[in-house]
Structure formats: C-alpha cells, structure tokens
Protein backbone atom coordinates (compact mmCIF):
# COMPACT_ATOMS: atom_id res chain seq x y z
CA MET A 1 0.07 0.14 -0.03
CA LEU A 2 1.39 3.51 -0.98
CA VAL A 3 0.56 6.00 1.99
CA THR A 4 1.17 9.56 0.92
CA ASP A 5 0.95 12.96 2.45
CA LEU A 6 -0.19 15.24 -0.22
CA ARG A 7 1.67 18.19 1.47
CA HIS A 8 5.10 16.52 0.23
CA PHE A 9 3.82 16.81 -3.37
CA LEU A 10 2.88 20.41 -3.40
CA ASP A 11 5.26 23.17 -5.01
CA LEU A 12 7.31 20.45 -6.66
CA PRO A 13 10.69 21.87 -8.16
CA ASP A 14 10.96 22.06 -12.02
CA LYS A 15 13.54 19.47 -12.12
CA VAL A 16 11.68 16.75 -10.23
CA PRO A 17 12.09 13.45 -11.96
CA GLY A 18 9.57 12.25 -14.23
CA PRO A 19 8.18 9.29 -12.29
CA ALA A 20 7.92 11.48 -9.10
CA ARG A 21 5.84 14.09 -11.25
CA ARG A 22 3.46 11.54 -12.72
CA LEU A 23 2.87 10.08 -9.35
CA ALA A 24 2.04 13.60 -7.84
CA GLU A 25 -0.39 14.27 -10.92
CA GLN A 26 -2.10 11.13 -10.17
CA LEU A 27 -2.60 12.00 -6.56
CA TYR A 28 -3.78 15.46 -7.56
CA ASP A 29 -6.39 13.83 -9.87
CA LEU A 30 -7.32 11.25 -6.97
CA VAL A 31 -8.04 14.05 -4.67
CA ARG A 32 -10.04 16.17 -7.21
CA ALA A 33 -12.24 12.98 -7.79
CA ALA A 34 -12.58 11.99 -4.30
CA THR A 35 -13.89 15.51 -3.40
CA ALA A 36 -15.98 15.94 -6.42
CA GLY A 37 -18.10 13.05 -5.22
CA ASP A 38 -20.01 12.08 -2.02
CA THR A 39 -18.45 10.65 1.10
CA GLY A 40 -19.09 7.24 2.53
CA VAL A 41 -19.44 5.32 -0.82
CA ALA A 42 -16.76 3.68 -2.91
CA TRP A 43 -17.06 4.25 -6.75
CA VAL A 44 -15.25 3.57 -9.83
CA SER A 45 -13.97 6.85 -11.24
CA ALA A 46 -12.97 7.55 -14.89
CA LEU A 47 -9.39 7.91 -13.82
CA PRO A 48 -7.21 5.21 -15.44
CA CYS A 49 -4.34 3.29 -13.74
CA ARG A 50 -0.86 4.75 -13.89
CA ARG A 51 1.08 1.39 -13.94
CA ARG A 52 2.50 -0.24 -16.99
CA PRO A 53 3.14 -3.86 -16.07
CA GLY A 54 5.14 -5.58 -18.93
CA ASN A 55 5.18 -2.37 -20.77
CA HIS A 56 1.56 -2.51 -21.32
CA ARG A 57 -0.95 0.08 -19.75
CA CYS A 58 -3.05 -1.36 -17.07
CA ALA A 59 -6.69 -1.41 -17.92
CA GLY A 60 -7.97 -0.76 -14.62
CA ARG A 61 -9.88 2.13 -13.20
CA MET A 62 -9.40 3.88 -9.88
CA LEU A 63 -11.84 2.85 -7.11
CA ILE A 64 -11.97 5.84 -4.69
CA LEU A 65 -13.51 5.96 -1.23
CA ARG A 66 -13.72 9.29 1.10
CA ALA A 67 -15.06 7.67 4.16
CA GLU A 68 -15.35 11.08 6.13
CA THR A 69 -15.74 14.74 5.19
CA GLU A 70 -12.06 14.96 6.29
CA GLY A 71 -9.48 12.15 6.56
CA PRO A 72 -7.43 9.81 4.41
CA ILE A 73 -8.73 9.08 0.77
CA ALA A 74 -8.59 5.48 -0.04
CA TRP A 75 -7.80 4.36 -3.60
CA GLU A 76 -7.32 1.08 -5.49
CA CYS A 77 -6.99 -0.04 -9.08
CA SER A 78 -9.72 -2.20 -10.20
CA SER A 79 -7.38 -4.37 -12.16
CA CYS A 80 -3.97 -4.70 -10.76
CA GLY A 81 -4.92 -4.12 -7.25
CA GLU A 82 -2.38 -1.12 -6.56
CA GLU A 83 -3.80 0.75 -3.67
CA GLY A 84 -2.83 3.65 -1.32
CA LEU A 85 -4.04 6.26 1.25
CA ILE A 86 -3.79 10.14 0.67
CA SER A 87 -3.57 12.26 3.76
CA ASP A 88 -3.44 16.03 4.45
CA TRP A 89 -5.40 16.82 1.22
CA GLU A 90 -7.71 19.22 2.90
CA ASP A 91 -7.78 22.78 1.61
CA SER A 92 -5.11 22.05 -1.06
CA PRO A 93 -5.57 23.43 -4.68
CA PHE A 94 -7.09 20.00 -5.58
CA ASP A 95 -9.83 20.08 -2.86
CA LEU A 96 -12.98 20.45 -4.73
CA ARG A 97 -15.47 20.14 -1.78
CA ARG A 98 -18.54 22.46 -1.88
CA ARG A 99 -18.22 25.30 0.60
CA ARG A 100 -21.86 26.25 0.46
CA PRO A 101 -25.16 24.70 -0.43
CA THR A 102 -26.19 24.93 -4.01
CA GLU A 103 -29.53 24.92 -5.82
CA THR A 104 -30.99 21.59 -6.86
CA ALA A 105 -31.38 21.18 -10.66
CA PRO A 106 -31.95 18.15 -12.97
CA VAL A 107 -28.90 16.24 -13.55
CA HIS A 108 -28.23 14.69 -17.04
CA HIS A 109 -25.91 11.53 -17.17
CA LEU A 110 -24.01 12.07 -20.48
CA ARG A 111 -22.16 8.95 -21.89
CA LEU A 112 -18.81 9.97 -23.37
CA PRO A 113 -15.93 7.99 -24.99
CA ASP A 114 -12.92 7.52 -22.72
CA GLU A 115 -10.82 9.92 -24.97
CA VAL A 116 -13.34 12.68 -24.50
CA ALA A 117 -13.29 12.47 -20.71
CA ALA A 118 -9.56 12.48 -20.72
CA THR A 119 -9.45 15.59 -22.93
CA LEU A 120 -11.91 17.25 -20.41
CA ARG A 121 -9.65 16.44 -17.56
CA SER A 122 -6.62 18.08 -19.42
CA ILE A 123 -8.12 21.50 -19.75
CA MET A 124 -5.78 23.72 -17.74
CA VAL A 125 -8.03 26.45 -16.60
CA LEU A 126 -11.55 25.48 -15.25
CA ASP A 127 -13.60 27.03 -12.56
CA THR A 128 -14.21 24.97 -9.52
CA ASP A 129 -17.73 23.99 -10.48
CA CYS A 130 -16.70 22.67 -13.96
CA GLU A 131 -13.68 20.92 -12.44
CA ARG A 132 -16.08 19.26 -9.93
CA VAL A 133 -18.28 18.00 -12.81
CA VAL A 134 -15.22 16.67 -14.90
CA PHE A 135 -13.81 14.78 -11.95
CA ALA A 136 -17.12 13.36 -10.82
CA ALA A 137 -17.46 11.27 -13.90
CA TYR A 138 -17.58 7.54 -13.51
CA ALA A 139 -16.94 4.43 -15.53
CA ASP A 140 -19.54 2.14 -17.06
CA GLY A 141 -17.94 -0.43 -19.17
CA ASP A 142 -15.82 1.07 -21.85
CA ASP A 143 -17.56 4.47 -21.52
CA ILE A 144 -17.57 7.30 -19.10
CA ILE A 145 -20.76 8.85 -17.57
CA LEU A 146 -20.60 12.39 -16.93
CA PRO A 147 -23.32 13.70 -14.37
CA ILE A 148 -23.92 17.41 -15.23
CA ARG A 149 -26.61 20.09 -15.12
CA ASP A 150 -27.56 22.39 -17.99
CA ASP A 151 -25.90 25.43 -16.76
CA ASP A 152 -22.62 23.45 -16.01
CA LEU A 153 -22.88 21.84 -19.51
CA ASP A 154 -22.99 25.45 -21.16
CA GLU A 155 -20.33 26.62 -19.03
CA LEU A 156 -18.04 23.40 -20.10
CA ILE A 157 -18.75 23.92 -23.49
CA GLY A 158 -17.47 27.43 -23.32
CA TYR A 159 -14.34 26.28 -21.64
CA VAL A 160 -13.69 23.60 -24.24
CA ALA A 161 -14.23 26.08 -27.12
CA SER A 162 -11.85 28.67 -25.49
CA GLU A 163 -9.16 26.09 -25.01
CA SER A 164 -9.46 24.96 -28.73
CA ASN A 165 -9.35 28.53 -29.98
CA HIS A 166 -6.10 29.08 -28.23
CA GLU A 167 -4.40 25.64 -28.70
CA PRO A 168 -1.40 25.76 -31.10
CA ASN A 169 -0.90 21.94 -31.11
CA ARG A 170 -2.94 20.56 -33.99
CA ARG A 171 -3.60 17.01 -32.56
CA ARG A 172 -4.73 18.43 -29.08
CA ARG A 173 -6.99 20.95 -31.08
CA GLN A 174 -8.59 17.98 -32.81
CA ARG A 175 -9.17 16.30 -29.57
CA LEU A 176 -10.81 19.44 -28.09
CA ASP A 177 -12.89 19.94 -31.15
CA ALA A 178 -14.05 16.38 -30.76
CA ALA A 179 -15.04 16.89 -27.21
CA PHE A 180 -16.88 20.16 -28.20
CA THR A 181 -18.86 18.04 -30.82
CA VAL A 182 -19.76 15.49 -28.22
CA LEU A 183 -21.00 18.15 -25.64
CA THR A 184 -22.89 20.37 -28.16
CA ASP A 185 -24.64 17.22 -29.52
CA ALA A 186 -25.77 16.52 -25.95
CA VAL A 187 -27.39 20.02 -25.77
CA GLU A 188 -29.03 19.64 -29.19
CA THR A 189 -30.55 16.34 -28.07
CA PRO A 190 -33.91 16.92 -26.56
CA PRO A 191 -34.43 15.07 -23.22
CA GLU A 192 -37.86 13.86 -24.28
CA SER A 193 -36.63 12.14 -27.55
CA SER A 194 -33.79 10.60 -25.78
CA PRO A 195 -34.54 9.29 -22.29
CA ASP A 196 -31.41 7.03 -22.16
CA PRO A 197 -28.02 8.59 -21.48
CA VAL A 198 -26.67 10.37 -24.50
CA VAL A 199 -24.28 8.30 -26.61
CA SER A 200 -21.82 10.17 -29.01
CA ASP A 201 -19.03 9.27 -31.29
CA ASP A 202 -15.75 10.84 -31.41
CA ARG A 203 -15.99 12.69 -34.71
CA THR A 204 -13.07 14.90 -35.14
CA GLY A 205 -13.70 16.18 -38.58
CA ASP A 206 -17.22 17.43 -37.93
CA VAL A 207 -17.06 20.42 -35.67
CA PRO A 208 -20.03 22.79 -35.60
CA PRO A 209 -19.61 26.60 -35.00
CA ARG A 210 -18.09 27.24 -31.50
CA PRO A 211 -20.04 29.34 -29.08
CA GLY A 212 -19.38 32.92 -28.84
CA SER A 213 -20.80 35.98 -26.91
CA GLY A 214 -24.22 35.88 -28.86
CA ALA A 215 -27.72 35.35 -27.56
CA THR A 216 -27.02 32.35 -25.48
CA GLY A 217 -24.10 34.04 -23.58
CA PRO A 218 -23.94 37.00 -21.03
CA PRO A 219 -26.18 40.01 -21.84
CA GLU A 220 -24.49 42.32 -24.25
CA LEU A 221 -25.18 45.24 -21.94
CA ASP A 222 -23.49 43.61 -18.97
CA ILE A 223 -20.46 42.83 -21.34
CA ALA A 224 -20.35 46.54 -22.24
CA ARG A 225 -20.34 47.41 -18.52
CA VAL A 226 -17.52 45.17 -17.68
CA GLN A 227 -15.45 46.60 -20.62
CA ARG A 228 -16.06 50.21 -19.46
CA TRP A 229 -15.23 49.16 -15.87
CA CYS A 230 -11.99 47.81 -17.14
CA GLY A 231 -11.15 50.85 -19.20
CA ALA A 232 -11.86 53.03 -16.12
CA ARG A 233 -9.55 51.09 -13.71
CA VAL A 234 -6.29 52.25 -15.53
CA PRO A 235 -5.50 56.02 -15.97
CA GLU A 236 -5.05 56.95 -19.55
CA HIS A 237 -1.37 58.00 -19.00
CA ALA A 238 -0.55 54.56 -17.77
CA ARG A 239 -2.08 52.40 -20.47
CA HIS A 240 0.92 52.09 -22.44
CA GLU A 241 2.44 49.79 -19.62
CA VAL A 242 -0.77 48.22 -18.22
CA ARG A 243 -4.30 47.76 -19.06
CA LEU A 244 -7.37 45.51 -18.02
CA GLU A 245 -9.31 43.75 -20.61
CA CYS A 246 -12.43 41.64 -20.57
CA GLU A 247 -12.32 38.23 -22.19
CA VAL A 248 -15.79 37.01 -23.32
CA ALA A 249 -16.83 33.21 -23.16
CA ALA A 250 -19.96 31.48 -23.56
CA ARG A 251 -20.96 31.71 -20.01
CA HIS A 252 -18.48 33.95 -18.31
CA LEU A 253 -16.41 36.93 -18.58
CA THR A 254 -12.59 36.88 -17.46
CA ILE A 255 -11.00 40.17 -16.25
CA VAL A 256 -7.32 40.01 -17.52
CA GLU A 257 -4.53 42.32 -16.60
CA ARG A 258 -1.99 42.87 -19.49
CA ARG A 259 1.43 44.35 -19.28
CA ALA A 260 3.80 45.64 -21.84
CA PRO A 261 7.14 43.76 -22.05
CA TRP A 262 9.55 45.03 -19.32
CA CYS A 263 12.84 43.44 -20.79
CA GLU A 264 14.00 41.81 -24.08
CA ASP A 265 13.95 38.25 -22.61
CA VAL A 266 10.17 38.19 -22.45
CA GLY A 267 9.84 39.17 -26.11
CA PRO A 268 7.58 41.77 -27.83
CA GLU A 269 4.23 40.34 -26.81
CA TRP A 270 2.20 41.67 -23.68
CA THR A 271 1.91 39.28 -20.89
CA SER A 272 -1.64 38.37 -19.47
CA LEU A 273 -2.64 37.42 -16.02
CA PRO A 274 -6.27 36.61 -15.17
CA ILE A 275 -7.48 38.56 -12.22
CA ALA A 276 -11.22 37.52 -11.73
CA ARG A 277 -14.02 35.81 -13.40
CA LEU A 278 -17.69 36.63 -13.61
CA ARG A 279 -19.94 33.62 -14.33
CA TYR A 280 -23.51 34.19 -15.63
CA THR A 281 -26.09 31.58 -14.97
CA LYS A 282 -28.75 32.16 -17.57
CA ALA A 283 -31.67 30.11 -15.57
CA THR A 284 -31.45 32.45 -12.70
CA LYS A 285 -30.14 35.50 -14.49
CA THR A 286 -27.52 35.93 -11.80
CA TRP A 287 -23.64 36.66 -11.52
CA THR A 288 -21.33 34.93 -9.49
CA LEU A 289 -17.55 36.22 -8.63
CA TYR A 290 -14.73 33.87 -8.83
CA TRP A 291 -10.90 34.35 -7.58
CA ARG A 292 -7.84 33.00 -9.13
CA ASP A 293 -5.26 31.16 -7.00
CA ARG A 294 -1.66 31.00 -7.86
CA ASN A 295 -2.16 27.87 -10.04
CA LEU A 296 -4.60 29.68 -12.25
CA ASN A 297 -7.59 27.78 -11.02
CA PHE A 298 -10.72 29.71 -10.23
CA HIS A 299 -12.92 29.38 -7.02
CA THR A 300 -16.16 31.06 -5.94
CA TYR A 301 -15.59 34.06 -4.05
CA GLU A 302 -17.47 33.06 -0.74
CA PRO A 303 -17.92 36.40 0.98
CA LEU A 304 -20.21 37.59 -1.88
CA PRO A 305 -23.39 35.51 -2.82
CA SER A 306 -24.54 35.40 -6.54
CA SER A 307 -26.43 38.60 -7.60
CA PRO A 308 -28.68 39.57 -10.45
CA HIS A 309 -26.89 43.08 -10.37
CA LEU A 310 -23.46 43.06 -11.98
CA GLU A 311 -22.50 46.29 -10.54
CA THR A 312 -22.43 44.50 -7.00
CA LEU A 313 -19.70 42.24 -8.14
CA LEU A 314 -17.80 44.94 -9.73
CA SER A 315 -18.02 47.07 -6.63
CA GLU A 316 -16.56 44.34 -4.59
CA LEU A 317 -13.73 43.98 -6.92
CA ASP A 318 -13.04 47.64 -6.55
CA ARG A 319 -13.06 47.48 -2.88
CA ASP A 320 -11.34 44.09 -2.61
CA PRO A 321 -11.71 43.90 1.19
CA THR A 322 -10.01 40.57 1.33
CA HIS A 323 -6.93 41.54 -0.86
CA ILE A 324 -7.45 38.44 -2.80
CA PHE A 325 -7.82 40.12 -6.31
CA TRP A 326 -5.25 42.99 -6.30
CA GLY A 327 -3.10 41.96 -3.42
C-alpha cells in the first residue's frame, strides 16, 4: 500500500524526476475525484491506472473512497490491485469540496468516450464547479458517464471552445474539437426524445461553430459594463504599460491584466494574467464572482453571494476587502 502525505507533493521543483511528477499528478487527480463525489461510498472513477506492467498500460480504473468529510482518501486499481491512502489533502488546490449549499437542478448523465473524458480532464483552466463535474465522472464499461446540469454543461462547452481556439498543437486541438462536438450534440438532443444516456461518437472532422458571446451568452449590456469598468480602472497616462481587458466566453467574463514587455527576454508580446471571473447563470439571471489562485484555477468568492446586479460584483472587485484580487 502506498501511503502519501499530499503536502510533500505540493510546489514540486521544476527538475523533479518524471516518475515523481507523474505520481504527483495522479495524486492530484485522485483528490479532485474524491472531493468531487460524495462521502461514504466507494465508486469507480474515470481515472485510469498509471501502472504499465510488462510495458503495457494497465486496463484498470481507480476505485475511490472518502469515508469522512475529512481524513484519508483510499484508492485502489480495479485491475492490478495497486492501492493507497492520501492524507493532508484538505484545503489544497485540488480540494473540490463544496463550501456552501447549491440549488438543486436536474442532472443529466451523458455517456462519453474515454478519449473525450481524458480531454476534459486535461483542460488547464476550469472554474471549481466545472472541475468538480469533470472529475465526478464515473466508468460504465468502456464508456464514461458524466453527471452534469444544464448550466454546467453550457459553461463546460465554453471552456472547451476557448481552449481549442487558443491551442497551437494540431492534435490536441482536434481532441478538443471532438469533445466540443460530443458536448454540443448532448445540448441539441431533446431530453424527451432521448430518455437514455446520450451516446456520442468521437467525430474529429465534424465540428459545428463554436459558441461566442451571442444570444446564449452573457447579456450584451453587461459585457459592455464590464468593458467600460476595465477601461476606467487604469488611468490613460499608464495604459502604455498596463491595461485591463475583458475576455468573453460562452458563460463567463474573465478580467485580465495585461502588461507591456519590461525586458528583451520576455519578447515583444504583452503578458496576460487573469484577475477574476464573472460567471453568468442564464436560468437564474445571476452573476457569481470567482477568484484565481496561484495555479490559475478559479474558485467561488465566498464572501459575496450570487447577484442579479453585476454592479455589486464590480464594486466588490473595486473594494477588494480581502486583498485576494489585487493583493
């Protein structure tokens, strides 16, 4: 049995050996999956085993059990039997436990190819809600089942589209496009005509138009408000050095700080750093504020509840009483 303290795998140096880094990445994913699901029930996650007995990938999936709200996470491969315990994971960047109750909503169980589920897990920047959805996926035979609500599905599609639009690697972009196709097919399938879980194929070459900031996204007036707010935050005389911009996605707006190059080593391009995210929930017509951690992951800003008034969120950003946005 492999007994690990997650604190020993945080902030690994750049020169850490490959096997140690792969083990750390597996532990991160196990904690994400365990905290995305319920306590007290062992379940077969979508996570594959990392072992390669005889130079062949183990076909097993990771069984996960978080017996209590806090305490060790137990895991075991369904095939080779490798097992372990993870301690001191609480409040780490990979802890996806909900910090407050959420509104109940119908949950769809989408059937995905394993390749699509793996692509969703590889997306670098997801907010906590979408990350929780992705890592709550479970195995059902050769397929993966993704439990997801309508609002989260729309948000996840936006992340996939954004990642694909900015992905320079052709093969990975094709995988993202395939994931986009599967998820948008699920949106377009009416529930009454498809009572069974949605089954979709990996069709790399058939990609519909990606979502933008049109009628299904945030209200145009709110987008304009955020853009004006970003422009007013930086004095005109300083805009040749720094400026704020609003990046528009299908279900959220990201406020990004951009700085001019300060030395030759960084090249001629301006650098970008996300500051905050404003997520729009169409069903309730409310906005939710998210803050960014040092790993570029977004988390719900707990001091401020969701609000139908965007100005409330922008005012909180201006005041920054917790110093979590501007330092």
